[in-house]
Structures are given as structure tokens and as C-alpha cells.
Amino acid sequence: MSVPTLRRTFPEQHAVNRQVWERLIDDPSLNDVLEKIETDRDGNLIMSPPPRTPHRIRQHHINQLLERQLPEGGSFTEGAVSTPEGVKVADAVWYRAENARTLETADVSLPEFAPDICVEVRSKRNSKRDIQKKTDAYFGAGVQEVWVSDLDGTMTFYSREGLLEHSAICPAFPRHIPTTFLR
């Protein structure tokens, strides 16, 4: 285990995150790794087992809804976000149009800008504290809203100021996400 470094400014931390992330992306020994890979602020790997099927179904539904309800931007699953606490991978991310266009043309694995929305889909192994730490990290990176899908599919929306009744960016987003493919 490495000794924690002093706190860096966010631009300094982003430079560390990008250097570590680029190395990981290009590492052929990680090609067959099934685990979700993130890093801490010192560049140490944090690996999590792959999620179960209900998690992936909710992730899929959320991404489809983002694409339908916010067509002026761009969304995808497993979005890497450079945060003050290292690289975190959100279950789904959404970028406003100008940033989505930049991502389409840039060959970067870790953008210099944060998504507008990060979505975390809770699994049984995620504690509320784990989710809160990731939420804080996302807000520290400049994310506008963090959405959490609980185990039963209930959606909760947060801004930096706290709990929202509904998303300010996508007010019509449903408060419940199905955990099945067939409806």
C-alpha cells in the first residue's frame, strides 16, 4: 500500500488521473479483466466484481431513457470521471451537446470536463456510505447532478445543494426504473 500524498489542486489531480488512466487503458494485461476498475487519488487500482444482471438491466434502462429524454446531449454507460479522489466510473453519464460533440471527435479515455449527470446504480455490496463518497467525488469534479437508482429501482436525484424532488436537467425522468427487460 502506498503512502497517501498531499492534497493536490484539481488540475494537478486530473493530470495524475489522466496519466494513470492512460497507462491502464493501454495495458494489455488488463484486456480480459472482468472487474470494474477505478483508482484512488494516489493512482492505486480499486477493482470491483462485475455487477449482477438486475444492476445491468437498470443501467441499460437508465441510459436508454437519458438518450430519449435528453437527445440534445450524449449518454453512455461506464463513464470514467476524473475526480479529486481519483478516477471513478459511473454506471451512466450524460454530457450536454457541446461536450458530447467534443467526446465524439477526441480520442481521450478521460475527458478534462465532467459529465453534467452521473448515475450510480446501487448493488447489494454498495453501502450508502460508498455511494455518498462517490457522489461527493463527482460533485468535486464539477458534475451538476448525481442520480442514484436504489436496489428496488427507486431513483433519487441530487445537486450540490442536496436532495432534489426531481432532476432539474431532466424533470420528466421517472422516479422508478424497472429491474426486468419485459414489461
N, C-alpha and C. Protein backbone atom coordinates (compact mmCIF):
# COMPACT_ATOMS: atom_id res chain seq x y z
N MET A 1 0.85 -1.18 0.00
CA MET A 1 0.00 0.00 0.00
C MET A 1 0.89 1.23 0.00
N SER A 2 0.53 2.20 -0.81
CA SER A 2 1.35 3.41 -0.90
C SER A 2 0.96 4.39 0.20
N VAL A 3 1.88 5.28 0.47
CA VAL A 3 1.63 6.33 1.44
C VAL A 3 0.81 7.42 0.75
N PRO A 4 -0.29 7.86 1.36
CA PRO A 4 -1.11 8.89 0.72
C PRO A 4 -0.31 10.16 0.46
N THR A 5 -0.57 10.79 -0.64
CA THR A 5 0.10 12.04 -0.99
C THR A 5 -0.64 13.21 -0.37
N LEU A 6 0.01 14.36 -0.44
CA LEU A 6 -0.66 15.58 -0.01
C LEU A 6 -1.79 15.88 -0.97
N ARG A 7 -2.75 16.64 -0.52
CA ARG A 7 -3.86 17.03 -1.39
C ARG A 7 -3.32 17.86 -2.54
N ARG A 8 -3.82 17.58 -3.72
CA ARG A 8 -3.43 18.31 -4.92
C ARG A 8 -4.57 19.25 -5.31
N THR A 9 -4.23 20.26 -6.09
CA THR A 9 -5.28 21.06 -6.71
C THR A 9 -5.99 20.14 -7.71
N PHE A 10 -7.21 20.50 -8.10
CA PHE A 10 -7.91 19.62 -9.03
C PHE A 10 -7.18 19.49 -10.37
N PRO A 11 -6.63 20.56 -10.95
CA PRO A 11 -5.87 20.37 -12.20
C PRO A 11 -4.67 19.43 -12.01
N GLU A 12 -3.99 19.51 -10.88
CA GLU A 12 -2.88 18.58 -10.61
C GLU A 12 -3.40 17.15 -10.49
N GLN A 13 -4.53 16.99 -9.78
CA GLN A 13 -5.10 15.65 -9.61
C GLN A 13 -5.56 15.10 -10.95
N HIS A 14 -6.16 15.95 -11.79
CA HIS A 14 -6.60 15.47 -13.10
C HIS A 14 -5.40 14.99 -13.91
N ALA A 15 -4.27 15.69 -13.84
CA ALA A 15 -3.07 15.26 -14.57
C ALA A 15 -2.61 13.89 -14.09
N VAL A 16 -2.63 13.67 -12.77
CA VAL A 16 -2.27 12.35 -12.22
C VAL A 16 -3.28 11.31 -12.69
N ASN A 17 -4.57 11.64 -12.59
CA ASN A 17 -5.62 10.70 -13.01
C ASN A 17 -5.45 10.31 -14.47
N ARG A 18 -5.22 11.30 -15.32
CA ARG A 18 -5.10 11.02 -16.75
C ARG A 18 -3.88 10.15 -17.04
N GLN A 19 -2.76 10.45 -16.41
CA GLN A 19 -1.54 9.66 -16.63
C GLN A 19 -1.77 8.20 -16.22
N VAL A 20 -2.35 7.99 -15.05
CA VAL A 20 -2.62 6.63 -14.57
C VAL A 20 -3.64 5.95 -15.48
N TRP A 21 -4.71 6.65 -15.84
CA TRP A 21 -5.79 6.05 -16.63
C TRP A 21 -5.31 5.67 -18.02
N GLU A 22 -4.52 6.53 -18.65
CA GLU A 22 -3.98 6.21 -19.98
C GLU A 22 -3.10 4.96 -19.92
N ARG A 23 -2.32 4.86 -18.86
CA ARG A 23 -1.48 3.66 -18.68
C ARG A 23 -2.36 2.41 -18.54
N LEU A 24 -3.43 2.51 -17.77
CA LEU A 24 -4.33 1.37 -17.57
C LEU A 24 -5.03 0.98 -18.87
N ILE A 25 -5.52 1.97 -19.59
CA ILE A 25 -6.24 1.72 -20.84
C ILE A 25 -5.35 1.00 -21.85
N ASP A 26 -4.07 1.35 -21.85
CA ASP A 26 -3.13 0.76 -22.82
C ASP A 26 -2.46 -0.51 -22.33
N ASP A 27 -2.78 -0.97 -21.12
CA ASP A 27 -2.12 -2.15 -20.55
C ASP A 27 -2.78 -3.43 -21.06
N PRO A 28 -2.10 -4.21 -21.92
CA PRO A 28 -2.71 -5.42 -22.47
C PRO A 28 -3.02 -6.48 -21.42
N SER A 29 -2.35 -6.43 -20.28
CA SER A 29 -2.63 -7.43 -19.24
C SER A 29 -4.01 -7.23 -18.62
N LEU A 30 -4.64 -6.08 -18.87
CA LEU A 30 -5.97 -5.82 -18.31
C LEU A 30 -7.09 -6.07 -19.32
N ASN A 31 -6.75 -6.51 -20.52
CA ASN A 31 -7.76 -6.72 -21.56
C ASN A 31 -8.87 -7.68 -21.16
N ASP A 32 -8.55 -8.72 -20.43
CA ASP A 32 -9.54 -9.74 -20.08
C ASP A 32 -10.08 -9.61 -18.66
N VAL A 33 -9.79 -8.50 -18.01
CA VAL A 33 -10.27 -8.28 -16.65
C VAL A 33 -11.76 -7.99 -16.69
N LEU A 34 -12.53 -8.74 -15.92
CA LEU A 34 -13.98 -8.54 -15.87
C LEU A 34 -14.39 -7.49 -14.86
N GLU A 35 -13.54 -7.26 -13.88
CA GLU A 35 -13.89 -6.34 -12.81
C GLU A 35 -13.96 -4.90 -13.31
N LYS A 36 -14.74 -4.12 -12.58
CA LYS A 36 -14.79 -2.67 -12.82
C LYS A 36 -13.53 -2.10 -12.18
N ILE A 37 -12.81 -1.28 -12.92
CA ILE A 37 -11.56 -0.70 -12.42
C ILE A 37 -11.76 0.79 -12.20
N GLU A 38 -11.38 1.25 -11.01
CA GLU A 38 -11.33 2.66 -10.67
C GLU A 38 -9.98 2.89 -9.99
N THR A 39 -9.68 4.14 -9.64
CA THR A 39 -8.45 4.42 -8.90
C THR A 39 -8.76 5.31 -7.71
N ASP A 40 -7.85 5.29 -6.74
CA ASP A 40 -7.93 6.28 -5.67
C ASP A 40 -7.09 7.48 -6.11
N ARG A 41 -7.00 8.49 -5.27
CA ARG A 41 -6.31 9.71 -5.69
C ARG A 41 -4.81 9.53 -5.85
N ASP A 42 -4.27 8.44 -5.32
CA ASP A 42 -2.84 8.16 -5.46
C ASP A 42 -2.55 7.26 -6.65
N GLY A 43 -3.58 6.89 -7.41
CA GLY A 43 -3.38 6.06 -8.59
C GLY A 43 -3.44 4.57 -8.33
N ASN A 44 -3.77 4.17 -7.11
CA ASN A 44 -3.90 2.75 -6.80
C ASN A 44 -5.20 2.21 -7.39
N LEU A 45 -5.14 0.99 -7.91
CA LEU A 45 -6.33 0.38 -8.50
C LEU A 45 -7.34 -0.02 -7.44
N ILE A 46 -8.60 0.19 -7.76
CA ILE A 46 -9.72 -0.30 -6.95
C ILE A 46 -10.54 -1.15 -7.90
N MET A 47 -10.63 -2.43 -7.61
CA MET A 47 -11.35 -3.34 -8.51
C MET A 47 -12.59 -3.87 -7.81
N SER A 48 -13.68 -3.90 -8.55
CA SER A 48 -14.96 -4.41 -8.03
C SER A 48 -15.44 -5.54 -8.93
N PRO A 49 -16.07 -6.56 -8.36
CA PRO A 49 -16.61 -7.63 -9.19
C PRO A 49 -17.66 -7.09 -10.16
N PRO A 50 -17.86 -7.76 -11.28
CA PRO A 50 -18.88 -7.29 -12.22
C PRO A 50 -20.26 -7.33 -11.57
N PRO A 51 -21.14 -6.41 -11.97
CA PRO A 51 -22.47 -6.38 -11.36
C PRO A 51 -23.35 -7.53 -11.82
N ARG A 52 -24.37 -7.80 -11.02
CA ARG A 52 -25.35 -8.84 -11.36
C ARG A 52 -26.31 -8.31 -12.43
N THR A 53 -27.08 -9.21 -12.98
CA THR A 53 -27.97 -8.87 -14.09
C THR A 53 -28.97 -7.76 -13.76
N PRO A 54 -29.67 -7.76 -12.60
CA PRO A 54 -30.62 -6.67 -12.34
C PRO A 54 -29.95 -5.28 -12.38
N HIS A 55 -28.72 -5.21 -11.91
CA HIS A 55 -27.96 -3.96 -11.97
C HIS A 55 -27.77 -3.52 -13.42
N ARG A 56 -27.35 -4.45 -14.25
CA ARG A 56 -27.10 -4.14 -15.67
C ARG A 56 -28.40 -3.76 -16.40
N ILE A 57 -29.50 -4.39 -16.02
CA ILE A 57 -30.79 -4.06 -16.64
C ILE A 57 -31.17 -2.62 -16.31
N ARG A 58 -31.06 -2.23 -15.03
CA ARG A 58 -31.38 -0.86 -14.64
C ARG A 58 -30.45 0.13 -15.34
N GLN A 59 -29.17 -0.21 -15.41
CA GLN A 59 -28.19 0.63 -16.09
C GLN A 59 -28.59 0.84 -17.56
N HIS A 60 -28.99 -0.23 -18.20
CA HIS A 60 -29.43 -0.18 -19.60
C HIS A 60 -30.67 0.71 -19.76
N HIS A 61 -31.68 0.50 -18.91
CA HIS A 61 -32.91 1.30 -18.99
C HIS A 61 -32.60 2.79 -18.77
N ILE A 62 -31.76 3.08 -17.78
CA ILE A 62 -31.43 4.48 -17.48
C ILE A 62 -30.75 5.14 -18.68
N ASN A 63 -29.80 4.45 -19.27
CA ASN A 63 -29.10 5.02 -20.43
C ASN A 63 -30.06 5.26 -21.59
N GLN A 64 -30.96 4.30 -21.84
CA GLN A 64 -31.94 4.49 -22.92
C GLN A 64 -32.85 5.69 -22.65
N LEU A 65 -33.28 5.83 -21.39
CA LEU A 65 -34.13 6.97 -21.04
C LEU A 65 -33.38 8.29 -21.20
N LEU A 66 -32.12 8.32 -20.80
CA LEU A 66 -31.32 9.54 -20.99
C LEU A 66 -31.25 9.90 -22.47
N GLU A 67 -31.01 8.91 -23.32
CA GLU A 67 -30.92 9.16 -24.76
C GLU A 67 -32.24 9.69 -25.32
N ARG A 68 -33.37 9.14 -24.84
CA ARG A 68 -34.68 9.57 -25.34
C ARG A 68 -35.09 10.93 -24.80
N GLN A 69 -34.86 11.15 -23.50
CA GLN A 69 -35.37 12.37 -22.88
C GLN A 69 -34.43 13.57 -23.01
N LEU A 70 -33.15 13.30 -23.27
CA LEU A 70 -32.19 14.39 -23.44
C LEU A 70 -31.42 14.20 -24.74
N PRO A 71 -32.12 14.20 -25.89
CA PRO A 71 -31.47 13.89 -27.16
C PRO A 71 -30.46 14.94 -27.61
N GLU A 72 -30.51 16.12 -27.01
CA GLU A 72 -29.58 17.17 -27.42
C GLU A 72 -28.17 16.96 -26.87
N GLY A 73 -28.00 16.00 -25.99
CA GLY A 73 -26.68 15.69 -25.45
C GLY A 73 -26.28 14.27 -25.80
N GLY A 74 -25.35 13.73 -25.03
CA GLY A 74 -24.90 12.36 -25.28
C GLY A 74 -24.73 11.60 -23.98
N SER A 75 -25.16 10.33 -24.00
CA SER A 75 -25.02 9.50 -22.80
C SER A 75 -24.39 8.17 -23.17
N PHE A 76 -23.78 7.55 -22.20
CA PHE A 76 -23.27 6.19 -22.35
C PHE A 76 -23.07 5.59 -20.98
N THR A 77 -22.87 4.28 -20.95
CA THR A 77 -22.65 3.57 -19.69
C THR A 77 -21.16 3.47 -19.42
N GLU A 78 -20.85 3.20 -18.15
CA GLU A 78 -19.46 3.00 -17.72
C GLU A 78 -18.58 4.20 -18.09
N GLY A 79 -19.00 5.38 -17.66
CA GLY A 79 -18.26 6.60 -17.97
C GLY A 79 -17.22 6.93 -16.92
N ALA A 80 -15.95 7.00 -17.34
CA ALA A 80 -14.86 7.37 -16.43
C ALA A 80 -14.90 8.86 -16.16
N VAL A 81 -14.76 9.22 -14.88
CA VAL A 81 -14.81 10.62 -14.46
C VAL A 81 -13.58 10.91 -13.61
N SER A 82 -12.83 11.94 -14.00
CA SER A 82 -11.67 12.37 -13.22
C SER A 82 -12.18 13.21 -12.05
N THR A 83 -11.93 12.74 -10.83
CA THR A 83 -12.41 13.43 -9.63
C THR A 83 -11.23 13.76 -8.71
N PRO A 84 -11.46 14.59 -7.70
CA PRO A 84 -10.41 14.86 -6.72
C PRO A 84 -9.98 13.61 -5.95
N GLU A 85 -10.78 12.56 -6.01
CA GLU A 85 -10.48 11.31 -5.29
C GLU A 85 -10.00 10.20 -6.21
N GLY A 86 -9.60 10.54 -7.43
CA GLY A 86 -9.14 9.54 -8.40
C GLY A 86 -10.15 9.39 -9.52
N VAL A 87 -10.00 8.33 -10.29
CA VAL A 87 -10.91 8.07 -11.40
C VAL A 87 -12.04 7.18 -10.90
N LYS A 88 -13.25 7.65 -11.06
CA LYS A 88 -14.44 6.88 -10.69
C LYS A 88 -15.21 6.58 -11.97
N VAL A 89 -15.87 5.44 -12.01
CA VAL A 89 -16.61 5.04 -13.20
C VAL A 89 -18.10 4.99 -12.85
N ALA A 90 -18.85 5.93 -13.42
CA ALA A 90 -20.29 5.99 -13.19
C ALA A 90 -20.99 4.95 -14.05
N ASP A 91 -22.11 4.44 -13.56
CA ASP A 91 -22.88 3.45 -14.32
C ASP A 91 -23.45 4.05 -15.60
N ALA A 92 -23.79 5.33 -15.57
CA ALA A 92 -24.22 6.05 -16.77
C ALA A 92 -23.82 7.51 -16.59
N VAL A 93 -23.53 8.15 -17.72
CA VAL A 93 -23.20 9.58 -17.71
C VAL A 93 -23.95 10.26 -18.84
N TRP A 94 -24.21 11.56 -18.66
CA TRP A 94 -24.80 12.36 -19.72
C TRP A 94 -24.03 13.67 -19.82
N TYR A 95 -23.69 14.05 -21.07
CA TYR A 95 -22.97 15.29 -21.36
C TYR A 95 -23.85 16.21 -22.21
N ARG A 96 -23.82 17.50 -21.91
CA ARG A 96 -24.52 18.47 -22.77
C ARG A 96 -23.90 18.43 -24.16
N ALA A 97 -24.61 18.99 -25.14
CA ALA A 97 -24.27 18.84 -26.56
C ALA A 97 -22.84 19.21 -26.90
N GLU A 98 -22.36 20.37 -26.45
CA GLU A 98 -21.01 20.78 -26.87
C GLU A 98 -19.94 19.83 -26.34
N ASN A 99 -20.12 19.33 -25.12
CA ASN A 99 -19.15 18.37 -24.58
C ASN A 99 -19.30 17.00 -25.24
N ALA A 100 -20.53 16.62 -25.56
CA ALA A 100 -20.75 15.35 -26.26
C ALA A 100 -20.08 15.38 -27.63
N ARG A 101 -20.19 16.51 -28.33
CA ARG A 101 -19.53 16.64 -29.63
C ARG A 101 -18.02 16.55 -29.49
N THR A 102 -17.46 17.16 -28.46
CA THR A 102 -16.02 17.08 -28.22
C THR A 102 -15.61 15.63 -27.99
N LEU A 103 -16.39 14.89 -27.22
CA LEU A 103 -16.07 13.48 -26.95
C LEU A 103 -16.12 12.64 -28.22
N GLU A 104 -17.03 12.97 -29.11
CA GLU A 104 -17.15 12.20 -30.36
C GLU A 104 -15.92 12.34 -31.24
N THR A 105 -15.26 13.48 -31.18
CA THR A 105 -14.12 13.72 -32.06
C THR A 105 -12.77 13.56 -31.38
N ALA A 106 -12.74 13.54 -30.06
CA ALA A 106 -11.48 13.43 -29.33
C ALA A 106 -11.21 11.97 -28.99
N ASP A 107 -9.97 11.59 -29.05
CA ASP A 107 -9.58 10.23 -28.68
C ASP A 107 -9.02 10.25 -27.27
N VAL A 108 -9.92 10.50 -26.31
CA VAL A 108 -9.49 10.56 -24.91
C VAL A 108 -10.28 9.53 -24.12
N SER A 109 -9.61 8.95 -23.16
CA SER A 109 -10.30 7.99 -22.30
C SER A 109 -10.79 8.65 -21.02
N LEU A 110 -10.26 9.83 -20.72
CA LEU A 110 -10.63 10.54 -19.51
C LEU A 110 -10.73 12.04 -19.83
N PRO A 111 -11.95 12.51 -20.11
CA PRO A 111 -12.12 13.91 -20.51
C PRO A 111 -11.65 14.89 -19.43
N GLU A 112 -11.30 16.09 -19.88
CA GLU A 112 -10.90 17.15 -18.94
C GLU A 112 -12.11 17.78 -18.28
N PHE A 113 -13.29 17.53 -18.81
CA PHE A 113 -14.51 18.11 -18.26
C PHE A 113 -15.39 16.98 -17.72
N ALA A 114 -16.21 17.36 -16.75
CA ALA A 114 -17.09 16.37 -16.10
C ALA A 114 -18.40 16.25 -16.86
N PRO A 115 -19.04 15.08 -16.75
CA PRO A 115 -20.40 14.97 -17.28
C PRO A 115 -21.33 15.90 -16.50
N ASP A 116 -22.46 16.22 -17.08
CA ASP A 116 -23.45 17.01 -16.35
C ASP A 116 -24.20 16.14 -15.36
N ILE A 117 -24.43 14.87 -15.74
CA ILE A 117 -25.14 13.92 -14.88
C ILE A 117 -24.30 12.66 -14.75
N CYS A 118 -24.15 12.18 -13.52
CA CYS A 118 -23.58 10.85 -13.25
C CYS A 118 -24.66 10.03 -12.56
N VAL A 119 -24.80 8.79 -12.98
CA VAL A 119 -25.80 7.89 -12.38
C VAL A 119 -25.07 6.72 -11.74
N GLU A 120 -25.43 6.44 -10.51
CA GLU A 120 -24.95 5.26 -9.81
C GLU A 120 -26.12 4.31 -9.59
N VAL A 121 -25.94 3.07 -9.97
CA VAL A 121 -26.93 2.02 -9.75
C VAL A 121 -26.43 1.21 -8.57
N ARG A 122 -27.18 1.24 -7.48
CA ARG A 122 -26.74 0.52 -6.28
C ARG A 122 -26.82 -0.97 -6.47
N SER A 123 -25.84 -1.65 -5.91
CA SER A 123 -25.82 -3.10 -5.81
C SER A 123 -25.87 -3.47 -4.34
N LYS A 124 -26.10 -4.74 -4.06
CA LYS A 124 -26.17 -5.17 -2.66
C LYS A 124 -24.87 -4.89 -1.92
N ARG A 125 -23.75 -4.91 -2.62
CA ARG A 125 -22.48 -4.70 -1.94
C ARG A 125 -22.14 -3.23 -1.73
N ASN A 126 -22.92 -2.30 -2.32
CA ASN A 126 -22.68 -0.87 -2.12
C ASN A 126 -23.38 -0.39 -0.86
N SER A 127 -22.62 0.17 0.06
CA SER A 127 -23.26 0.78 1.22
C SER A 127 -23.67 2.21 0.85
N LYS A 128 -24.54 2.77 1.65
CA LYS A 128 -24.94 4.17 1.41
C LYS A 128 -23.72 5.08 1.54
N ARG A 129 -22.81 4.71 2.42
CA ARG A 129 -21.57 5.49 2.59
C ARG A 129 -20.72 5.44 1.32
N ASP A 130 -20.62 4.26 0.70
CA ASP A 130 -19.88 4.14 -0.57
C ASP A 130 -20.46 5.07 -1.63
N ILE A 131 -21.78 5.05 -1.74
CA ILE A 131 -22.46 5.89 -2.73
C ILE A 131 -22.25 7.37 -2.41
N GLN A 132 -22.31 7.72 -1.13
CA GLN A 132 -22.11 9.12 -0.73
C GLN A 132 -20.69 9.59 -1.07
N LYS A 133 -19.70 8.73 -0.87
CA LYS A 133 -18.32 9.10 -1.20
C LYS A 133 -18.17 9.34 -2.70
N LYS A 134 -18.79 8.48 -3.52
CA LYS A 134 -18.71 8.69 -4.97
C LYS A 134 -19.47 9.95 -5.37
N THR A 135 -20.62 10.18 -4.76
CA THR A 135 -21.40 11.38 -5.04
C THR A 135 -20.57 12.63 -4.74
N ASP A 136 -19.92 12.65 -3.59
CA ASP A 136 -19.07 13.79 -3.23
C ASP A 136 -17.93 13.97 -4.22
N ALA A 137 -17.33 12.86 -4.65
CA ALA A 137 -16.24 12.92 -5.63
C ALA A 137 -16.74 13.50 -6.95
N TYR A 138 -17.91 13.06 -7.40
CA TYR A 138 -18.47 13.58 -8.66
C TYR A 138 -18.72 15.09 -8.56
N PHE A 139 -19.32 15.52 -7.45
CA PHE A 139 -19.58 16.95 -7.30
C PHE A 139 -18.26 17.73 -7.24
N GLY A 140 -17.23 17.15 -6.63
CA GLY A 140 -15.92 17.78 -6.59
C GLY A 140 -15.29 17.94 -7.97
N ALA A 141 -15.75 17.13 -8.92
CA ALA A 141 -15.24 17.20 -10.30
C ALA A 141 -16.03 18.18 -11.16
N GLY A 142 -17.15 18.68 -10.64
CA GLY A 142 -17.96 19.62 -11.41
C GLY A 142 -19.25 19.06 -11.98
N VAL A 143 -19.59 17.83 -11.61
CA VAL A 143 -20.86 17.23 -12.06
C VAL A 143 -22.01 18.07 -11.49
N GLN A 144 -23.05 18.29 -12.30
CA GLN A 144 -24.19 19.11 -11.86
C GLN A 144 -25.19 18.32 -11.02
N GLU A 145 -25.47 17.08 -11.45
CA GLU A 145 -26.42 16.23 -10.72
C GLU A 145 -25.87 14.81 -10.64
N VAL A 146 -26.19 14.15 -9.52
CA VAL A 146 -25.91 12.72 -9.35
C VAL A 146 -27.24 12.05 -9.07
N TRP A 147 -27.51 11.01 -9.83
CA TRP A 147 -28.73 10.24 -9.65
C TRP A 147 -28.35 8.88 -9.10
N VAL A 148 -29.16 8.37 -8.18
CA VAL A 148 -28.91 7.05 -7.60
C VAL A 148 -30.15 6.19 -7.81
N SER A 149 -29.94 5.02 -8.39
CA SER A 149 -31.01 4.03 -8.54
C SER A 149 -30.83 3.01 -7.43
N ASP A 150 -31.79 2.93 -6.54
CA ASP A 150 -31.68 2.01 -5.41
C ASP A 150 -31.97 0.58 -5.85
N LEU A 151 -31.82 -0.35 -4.94
CA LEU A 151 -31.97 -1.78 -5.25
C LEU A 151 -33.33 -2.11 -5.85
N ASP A 152 -34.37 -1.39 -5.45
CA ASP A 152 -35.71 -1.66 -5.97
C ASP A 152 -36.04 -0.83 -7.21
N GLY A 153 -35.06 -0.05 -7.71
CA GLY A 153 -35.28 0.76 -8.90
C GLY A 153 -35.73 2.18 -8.61
N THR A 154 -35.92 2.54 -7.35
CA THR A 154 -36.30 3.91 -6.99
C THR A 154 -35.16 4.87 -7.30
N MET A 155 -35.47 5.95 -7.99
CA MET A 155 -34.48 6.95 -8.35
C MET A 155 -34.48 8.09 -7.34
N THR A 156 -33.29 8.54 -6.97
CA THR A 156 -33.11 9.70 -6.11
C THR A 156 -32.17 10.65 -6.84
N PHE A 157 -32.47 11.93 -6.81
CA PHE A 157 -31.73 12.94 -7.57
C PHE A 157 -31.08 13.92 -6.60
N TYR A 158 -29.81 14.26 -6.87
CA TYR A 158 -29.07 15.18 -6.01
C TYR A 158 -28.39 16.26 -6.84
N SER A 159 -28.34 17.45 -6.26
CA SER A 159 -27.48 18.52 -6.78
C SER A 159 -26.45 18.78 -5.68
N ARG A 160 -25.56 19.71 -5.91
CA ARG A 160 -24.58 20.04 -4.87
C ARG A 160 -25.25 20.54 -3.60
N GLU A 161 -26.43 21.13 -3.76
CA GLU A 161 -27.15 21.66 -2.60
C GLU A 161 -27.86 20.57 -1.81
N GLY A 162 -28.02 19.40 -2.39
CA GLY A 162 -28.67 18.31 -1.67
C GLY A 162 -29.73 17.61 -2.50
N LEU A 163 -30.65 16.96 -1.80
CA LEU A 163 -31.71 16.16 -2.41
C LEU A 163 -32.64 17.03 -3.25
N LEU A 164 -32.98 16.52 -4.44
CA LEU A 164 -33.92 17.19 -5.33
C LEU A 164 -35.22 16.39 -5.41
N GLU A 165 -36.33 17.08 -5.59
CA GLU A 165 -37.60 16.38 -5.79
C GLU A 165 -37.59 15.64 -7.12
N HIS A 166 -36.99 16.27 -8.12
CA HIS A 166 -36.81 15.68 -9.45
C HIS A 166 -35.57 16.34 -10.05
N SER A 167 -35.06 15.78 -11.11
CA SER A 167 -33.89 16.34 -11.77
C SER A 167 -34.23 17.72 -12.35
N ALA A 168 -33.34 18.68 -12.15
CA ALA A 168 -33.51 19.99 -12.77
C ALA A 168 -33.13 19.93 -14.25
N ILE A 169 -32.23 19.03 -14.61
CA ILE A 169 -31.79 18.90 -16.01
C ILE A 169 -32.81 18.11 -16.83
N CYS A 170 -33.42 17.12 -16.21
CA CYS A 170 -34.38 16.25 -16.90
C CYS A 170 -35.57 16.00 -15.98
N PRO A 171 -36.44 17.02 -15.81
CA PRO A 171 -37.53 16.92 -14.84
C PRO A 171 -38.50 15.76 -15.06
N ALA A 172 -38.62 15.29 -16.30
CA ALA A 172 -39.58 14.21 -16.59
C ALA A 172 -38.99 12.82 -16.37
N PHE A 173 -37.74 12.74 -15.92
CA PHE A 173 -37.15 11.41 -15.73
C PHE A 173 -37.95 10.65 -14.67
N PRO A 174 -38.27 9.37 -14.92
CA PRO A 174 -39.11 8.62 -13.98
C PRO A 174 -38.44 8.41 -12.63
N ARG A 175 -39.27 8.27 -11.62
CA ARG A 175 -38.77 8.05 -10.26
C ARG A 175 -38.58 6.57 -9.96
N HIS A 176 -38.90 5.72 -10.93
CA HIS A 176 -38.70 4.28 -10.74
C HIS A 176 -38.23 3.66 -12.05
N ILE A 177 -37.22 2.80 -11.96
CA ILE A 177 -36.66 2.12 -13.13
C ILE A 177 -36.95 0.63 -13.00
N PRO A 178 -37.49 0.00 -14.04
CA PRO A 178 -37.78 -1.43 -13.96
C PRO A 178 -36.49 -2.26 -13.82
N THR A 179 -36.63 -3.37 -13.15
CA THR A 179 -35.49 -4.28 -12.97
C THR A 179 -35.63 -5.50 -13.87
N THR A 180 -36.54 -5.43 -14.83
CA THR A 180 -36.74 -6.54 -15.77
C THR A 180 -36.69 -6.01 -17.20
N PHE A 181 -36.37 -6.87 -18.14
CA PHE A 181 -36.39 -6.49 -19.55
C PHE A 181 -37.82 -6.39 -20.06
N LEU A 182 -38.64 -7.37 -19.69
CA LEU A 182 -40.01 -7.46 -20.19
C LEU A 182 -40.94 -6.67 -19.28
N ARG A 183 -41.83 -5.92 -19.90
CA ARG A 183 -42.76 -5.10 -19.11
C ARG A 183 -44.18 -5.50 -19.42
